[in-house]
């Protein structure tokens, strides 16, 4: 068994079957909608917290960039239990509206 071949066969089976393809497209649309909601919730929470507009502009994909310094990233972790990547790269894939407000409030605190 060759792993790349196995994966390719799975994809071919899904995309080659109209019912499976339709199911996959629906799941993909749901994931896209969830990401859009998460980005919107974060943008709204950031704007509501009075943070700079550059942080609340609409984003695409799994991440949102908060443009934080290393010290601010460390303060988010230490003081608020929020873990982000370098520069404030935040994974929004499972961010809820409540969590978005918590993140925005924490970012507001570390920017002061």
N, C-alpha and C. Protein backbone atom coordinates (compact mmCIF):
# COMPACT_ATOMS: atom_id res chain seq x y z
N UNK A 1 0.84 -1.18 0.00
CA UNK A 1 0.00 0.00 0.00
C UNK A 1 0.88 1.24 0.00
N UNK A 2 0.62 2.11 -0.91
CA UNK A 2 1.37 3.36 -1.04
C UNK A 2 0.46 4.49 -0.56
N UNK A 3 0.81 5.17 0.54
CA UNK A 3 -0.07 6.20 1.10
C UNK A 3 -0.56 7.25 0.10
N UNK A 4 0.29 7.84 -0.75
CA UNK A 4 -0.24 8.83 -1.68
C UNK A 4 -1.27 8.23 -2.65
N UNK A 5 -1.06 7.00 -3.07
CA UNK A 5 -1.99 6.35 -3.98
C UNK A 5 -3.32 6.10 -3.28
N UNK A 6 -3.27 5.68 -2.03
CA UNK A 6 -4.49 5.42 -1.27
C UNK A 6 -5.32 6.69 -1.13
N UNK A 7 -4.68 7.80 -0.77
CA UNK A 7 -5.37 9.08 -0.65
C UNK A 7 -5.98 9.52 -1.96
N UNK A 8 -5.23 9.34 -3.03
CA UNK A 8 -5.72 9.72 -4.36
C UNK A 8 -6.95 8.89 -4.73
N UNK A 9 -6.95 7.63 -4.35
CA UNK A 9 -8.10 6.77 -4.65
C UNK A 9 -9.34 7.20 -3.86
N UNK A 10 -9.13 7.60 -2.63
CA UNK A 10 -10.25 8.09 -1.81
C UNK A 10 -10.85 9.34 -2.45
N UNK A 11 -9.99 10.28 -2.82
CA UNK A 11 -10.46 11.52 -3.46
C UNK A 11 -11.18 11.21 -4.76
N UNK A 12 -10.62 10.32 -5.56
CA UNK A 12 -11.25 9.96 -6.83
C UNK A 12 -12.62 9.32 -6.59
N UNK A 13 -12.73 8.50 -5.55
CA UNK A 13 -14.02 7.86 -5.25
C UNK A 13 -15.05 8.89 -4.83
N UNK A 14 -14.65 9.84 -4.00
CA UNK A 14 -15.59 10.87 -3.53
C UNK A 14 -16.00 11.79 -4.67
N UNK A 15 -15.03 12.28 -5.42
CA UNK A 15 -15.34 13.22 -6.49
C UNK A 15 -16.00 12.55 -7.69
N UNK A 16 -15.81 11.24 -7.81
CA UNK A 16 -16.39 10.52 -8.93
C UNK A 16 -17.82 10.05 -8.71
N UNK A 17 -18.27 10.08 -7.47
CA UNK A 17 -19.63 9.66 -7.14
C UNK A 17 -20.47 10.91 -6.88
N UNK A 18 -21.51 11.16 -7.67
CA UNK A 18 -22.29 12.40 -7.52
C UNK A 18 -22.86 12.61 -6.11
N UNK A 19 -23.32 11.56 -5.46
CA UNK A 19 -23.88 11.71 -4.11
C UNK A 19 -22.79 12.07 -3.10
N UNK A 20 -21.65 11.38 -3.18
CA UNK A 20 -20.55 11.67 -2.26
C UNK A 20 -19.98 13.06 -2.52
N UNK A 21 -19.89 13.43 -3.78
CA UNK A 21 -19.38 14.77 -4.12
C UNK A 21 -20.30 15.85 -3.56
N UNK A 22 -21.61 15.64 -3.68
CA UNK A 22 -22.57 16.61 -3.16
C UNK A 22 -22.42 16.73 -1.64
N UNK A 23 -22.26 15.60 -0.96
CA UNK A 23 -22.08 15.61 0.50
C UNK A 23 -20.79 16.36 0.87
N UNK A 24 -19.71 16.09 0.14
CA UNK A 24 -18.43 16.76 0.40
C UNK A 24 -18.55 18.26 0.18
N UNK A 25 -19.23 18.66 -0.90
CA UNK A 25 -19.40 20.09 -1.19
C UNK A 25 -20.22 20.77 -0.09
N UNK A 26 -21.23 20.07 0.45
CA UNK A 26 -22.03 20.63 1.54
C UNK A 26 -21.18 20.80 2.80
N UNK A 27 -20.35 19.81 3.10
CA UNK A 27 -19.47 19.90 4.26
C UNK A 27 -18.46 21.03 4.09
N UNK A 28 -17.94 21.18 2.88
CA UNK A 28 -16.99 22.24 2.58
C UNK A 28 -17.65 23.61 2.73
N UNK A 29 -18.88 23.74 2.25
CA UNK A 29 -19.62 25.00 2.39
C UNK A 29 -19.86 25.32 3.87
N UNK A 30 -20.16 24.30 4.67
CA UNK A 30 -20.36 24.50 6.10
C UNK A 30 -19.10 24.98 6.79
N UNK A 31 -17.97 24.39 6.42
CA UNK A 31 -16.69 24.80 7.00
C UNK A 31 -16.37 26.24 6.61
N UNK A 32 -16.62 26.58 5.35
CA UNK A 32 -16.39 27.94 4.87
C UNK A 32 -17.27 28.94 5.62
N UNK A 33 -18.53 28.58 5.83
CA UNK A 33 -19.46 29.45 6.55
C UNK A 33 -19.01 29.65 7.99
N UNK A 34 -18.55 28.58 8.64
CA UNK A 34 -18.06 28.68 10.02
C UNK A 34 -16.86 29.62 10.09
N UNK A 35 -15.93 29.51 9.14
CA UNK A 35 -14.77 30.40 9.13
C UNK A 35 -15.19 31.85 8.93
N UNK A 36 -16.13 32.08 8.03
CA UNK A 36 -16.61 33.45 7.80
C UNK A 36 -17.27 34.02 9.05
N UNK A 37 -18.05 33.20 9.75
CA UNK A 37 -18.68 33.64 11.00
C UNK A 37 -17.63 33.96 12.05
N UNK A 38 -16.61 33.12 12.15
CA UNK A 38 -15.56 33.34 13.14
C UNK A 38 -14.81 34.63 12.85
N UNK A 39 -14.46 34.85 11.59
CA UNK A 39 -13.77 36.09 11.22
C UNK A 39 -14.66 37.30 11.50
N UNK A 40 -15.94 37.18 11.18
CA UNK A 40 -16.88 38.28 11.44
C UNK A 40 -17.03 38.56 12.92
N UNK A 41 -17.12 37.51 13.72
CA UNK A 41 -17.24 37.68 15.17
C UNK A 41 -16.00 38.36 15.74
N UNK A 42 -14.82 37.94 15.27
CA UNK A 42 -13.58 38.55 15.74
C UNK A 42 -13.50 40.01 15.32
N UNK A 43 -13.83 40.29 14.07
CA UNK A 43 -13.80 41.67 13.58
C UNK A 43 -14.76 42.55 14.36
N UNK A 44 -15.96 42.05 14.62
CA UNK A 44 -16.94 42.81 15.39
C UNK A 44 -16.49 43.05 16.82
N UNK A 45 -15.91 42.03 17.44
CA UNK A 45 -15.44 42.16 18.82
C UNK A 45 -14.27 43.12 18.91
N UNK A 46 -13.38 43.08 17.93
CA UNK A 46 -12.23 43.98 17.90
C UNK A 46 -12.71 45.42 17.73
N UNK A 47 -13.62 45.61 16.81
CA UNK A 47 -14.16 46.95 16.58
C UNK A 47 -14.90 47.44 17.83
N UNK A 48 -15.68 46.56 18.45
CA UNK A 48 -16.42 46.92 19.66
C UNK A 48 -15.52 47.27 20.83
N UNK A 49 -14.32 46.69 20.86
CA UNK A 49 -13.37 46.98 21.93
C UNK A 49 -12.58 48.26 21.67
N UNK A 50 -12.82 48.87 20.51
CA UNK A 50 -12.14 50.12 20.18
C UNK A 50 -10.70 49.94 19.73
N UNK A 51 -10.39 48.76 19.23
CA UNK A 51 -9.03 48.49 18.76
C UNK A 51 -8.84 49.06 17.35
N UNK A 52 -7.59 49.20 16.91
CA UNK A 52 -7.31 49.77 15.58
C UNK A 52 -8.03 49.03 14.45
N UNK A 53 -8.46 49.79 13.45
CA UNK A 53 -9.18 49.22 12.30
C UNK A 53 -8.39 48.14 11.59
N UNK A 54 -7.07 48.24 11.58
CA UNK A 54 -6.25 47.24 10.88
C UNK A 54 -6.47 45.84 11.44
N UNK A 55 -6.94 45.75 12.68
CA UNK A 55 -7.19 44.45 13.29
C UNK A 55 -8.58 43.91 12.99
N UNK A 56 -9.49 44.78 12.55
CA UNK A 56 -10.88 44.34 12.35
C UNK A 56 -11.26 44.18 10.89
N UNK A 57 -10.30 44.35 9.99
CA UNK A 57 -10.64 44.19 8.58
C UNK A 57 -10.93 42.73 8.29
N UNK A 58 -11.84 42.45 7.35
CA UNK A 58 -12.21 41.05 7.05
C UNK A 58 -11.00 40.23 6.62
N UNK A 59 -10.96 39.00 7.05
CA UNK A 59 -9.87 38.08 6.72
C UNK A 59 -10.45 36.84 6.05
N UNK A 60 -9.57 36.07 5.44
CA UNK A 60 -9.96 34.81 4.81
C UNK A 60 -9.06 33.71 5.33
N UNK A 61 -9.55 32.51 5.35
CA UNK A 61 -8.73 31.37 5.74
C UNK A 61 -8.82 31.04 7.21
N UNK A 62 -7.90 30.19 7.65
CA UNK A 62 -7.92 29.68 9.02
C UNK A 62 -7.35 30.65 10.05
N UNK A 63 -6.61 31.65 9.60
CA UNK A 63 -5.90 32.52 10.54
C UNK A 63 -6.25 33.98 10.35
N UNK A 64 -6.07 34.73 11.43
CA UNK A 64 -6.19 36.18 11.41
C UNK A 64 -4.93 36.73 12.05
N UNK A 65 -4.35 37.74 11.45
CA UNK A 65 -3.11 38.33 11.95
C UNK A 65 -3.43 39.53 12.83
N UNK A 66 -2.97 39.50 14.06
CA UNK A 66 -3.25 40.58 15.01
C UNK A 66 -2.13 41.60 15.12
N UNK A 67 -1.00 41.36 14.47
CA UNK A 67 0.12 42.30 14.44
C UNK A 67 0.57 42.70 15.84
N UNK A 68 0.94 41.71 16.63
CA UNK A 68 1.40 41.94 17.99
C UNK A 68 2.91 41.74 18.09
N UNK A 69 3.52 42.42 19.05
CA UNK A 69 4.94 42.23 19.30
C UNK A 69 5.13 40.92 20.08
N UNK A 70 6.38 40.48 20.17
CA UNK A 70 6.67 39.27 20.94
C UNK A 70 6.24 39.44 22.40
N UNK A 71 6.45 40.62 22.96
CA UNK A 71 6.07 40.88 24.35
C UNK A 71 4.55 40.81 24.52
N UNK A 72 3.81 41.31 23.55
CA UNK A 72 2.35 41.27 23.62
C UNK A 72 1.84 39.84 23.47
N UNK A 73 2.46 39.06 22.60
CA UNK A 73 2.10 37.65 22.44
C UNK A 73 2.32 36.91 23.75
N UNK A 74 3.46 37.17 24.39
CA UNK A 74 3.77 36.54 25.67
C UNK A 74 2.76 36.96 26.75
N UNK A 75 2.38 38.23 26.76
CA UNK A 75 1.39 38.72 27.73
C UNK A 75 0.03 38.05 27.51
N UNK A 76 -0.34 37.85 26.25
CA UNK A 76 -1.61 37.14 25.97
C UNK A 76 -1.58 35.75 26.57
N UNK A 77 -0.45 35.06 26.42
CA UNK A 77 -0.32 33.70 26.96
C UNK A 77 -0.32 33.72 28.48
N UNK A 78 0.56 34.54 29.05
CA UNK A 78 0.78 34.54 30.50
C UNK A 78 -0.42 35.10 31.27
N UNK A 79 -0.96 36.20 30.81
CA UNK A 79 -2.00 36.90 31.57
C UNK A 79 -3.42 36.49 31.20
N UNK A 80 -3.61 35.95 30.00
CA UNK A 80 -4.97 35.68 29.53
C UNK A 80 -5.20 34.25 29.05
N UNK A 81 -4.13 33.44 29.00
CA UNK A 81 -4.28 32.05 28.57
C UNK A 81 -4.67 31.92 27.10
N UNK A 82 -4.30 32.91 26.29
CA UNK A 82 -4.62 32.89 24.86
C UNK A 82 -3.31 32.69 24.11
N UNK A 83 -3.26 31.63 23.32
CA UNK A 83 -2.04 31.27 22.61
C UNK A 83 -2.19 31.59 21.13
N UNK A 84 -1.26 32.39 20.63
CA UNK A 84 -1.24 32.77 19.22
C UNK A 84 0.17 32.53 18.69
N UNK A 85 0.29 32.52 17.39
CA UNK A 85 1.59 32.34 16.77
C UNK A 85 2.37 33.64 16.75
N UNK A 86 3.57 33.60 16.18
CA UNK A 86 4.40 34.80 16.10
C UNK A 86 3.64 35.96 15.45
N UNK A 87 3.79 37.14 16.03
CA UNK A 87 3.14 38.32 15.48
C UNK A 87 1.65 38.39 15.78
N UNK A 88 1.15 37.41 16.51
CA UNK A 88 -0.28 37.40 16.83
C UNK A 88 -1.12 36.64 15.83
N UNK A 89 -0.55 35.64 15.21
CA UNK A 89 -1.28 34.82 14.23
C UNK A 89 -2.26 33.91 14.98
N UNK A 90 -3.56 34.19 14.82
CA UNK A 90 -4.60 33.53 15.58
C UNK A 90 -5.40 32.57 14.70
N UNK A 91 -5.51 31.31 15.13
CA UNK A 91 -6.34 30.34 14.42
C UNK A 91 -7.79 30.58 14.82
N UNK A 92 -8.63 30.92 13.85
CA UNK A 92 -10.02 31.26 14.14
C UNK A 92 -10.99 30.12 13.81
N UNK A 93 -10.48 28.96 13.47
CA UNK A 93 -11.33 27.89 12.96
C UNK A 93 -12.44 27.46 13.91
N UNK A 94 -12.24 27.56 15.21
CA UNK A 94 -13.29 27.16 16.14
C UNK A 94 -13.67 28.31 17.09
N UNK A 95 -13.40 29.52 16.68
CA UNK A 95 -13.68 30.69 17.51
C UNK A 95 -15.17 30.99 17.53
N UNK A 96 -15.74 31.07 18.73
CA UNK A 96 -17.16 31.42 18.89
C UNK A 96 -17.28 32.92 19.13
N UNK A 97 -18.51 33.42 19.11
CA UNK A 97 -18.72 34.85 19.35
C UNK A 97 -18.23 35.25 20.74
N UNK A 98 -18.53 34.42 21.73
CA UNK A 98 -18.08 34.71 23.10
C UNK A 98 -16.56 34.69 23.22
N UNK A 99 -15.94 33.71 22.58
CA UNK A 99 -14.48 33.62 22.62
C UNK A 99 -13.85 34.79 21.87
N UNK A 100 -14.50 35.25 20.79
CA UNK A 100 -13.98 36.38 20.03
C UNK A 100 -13.94 37.63 20.91
N UNK A 101 -14.97 37.82 21.71
CA UNK A 101 -14.99 38.97 22.63
C UNK A 101 -13.89 38.84 23.66
N UNK A 102 -13.68 37.64 24.17
CA UNK A 102 -12.62 37.40 25.15
C UNK A 102 -11.25 37.70 24.54
N UNK A 103 -11.02 37.26 23.31
CA UNK A 103 -9.76 37.53 22.62
C UNK A 103 -9.59 39.04 22.42
N UNK A 104 -10.63 39.71 21.95
CA UNK A 104 -10.56 41.16 21.71
C UNK A 104 -10.25 41.91 23.00
N UNK A 105 -10.91 41.54 24.08
CA UNK A 105 -10.66 42.20 25.37
C UNK A 105 -9.22 41.98 25.83
N UNK A 106 -8.71 40.76 25.62
CA UNK A 106 -7.33 40.46 26.01
C UNK A 106 -6.34 41.23 25.15
N UNK A 107 -6.59 41.31 23.85
CA UNK A 107 -5.71 42.07 22.95
C UNK A 107 -5.73 43.54 23.36
N UNK A 108 -6.90 44.05 23.68
CA UNK A 108 -7.03 45.43 24.13
C UNK A 108 -6.17 45.65 25.38
N UNK A 109 -6.20 44.71 26.29
CA UNK A 109 -5.42 44.83 27.53
C UNK A 109 -3.92 44.82 27.27
N UNK A 110 -3.46 43.97 26.36
CA UNK A 110 -2.01 43.89 26.12
C UNK A 110 -1.51 45.04 25.25
N UNK A 111 -2.39 45.71 24.53
CA UNK A 111 -1.97 46.85 23.72
C UNK A 111 -1.83 48.13 24.55
N UNK A 112 -2.36 48.11 25.76
CA UNK A 112 -2.28 49.32 26.62
C UNK A 112 -0.95 49.42 27.32
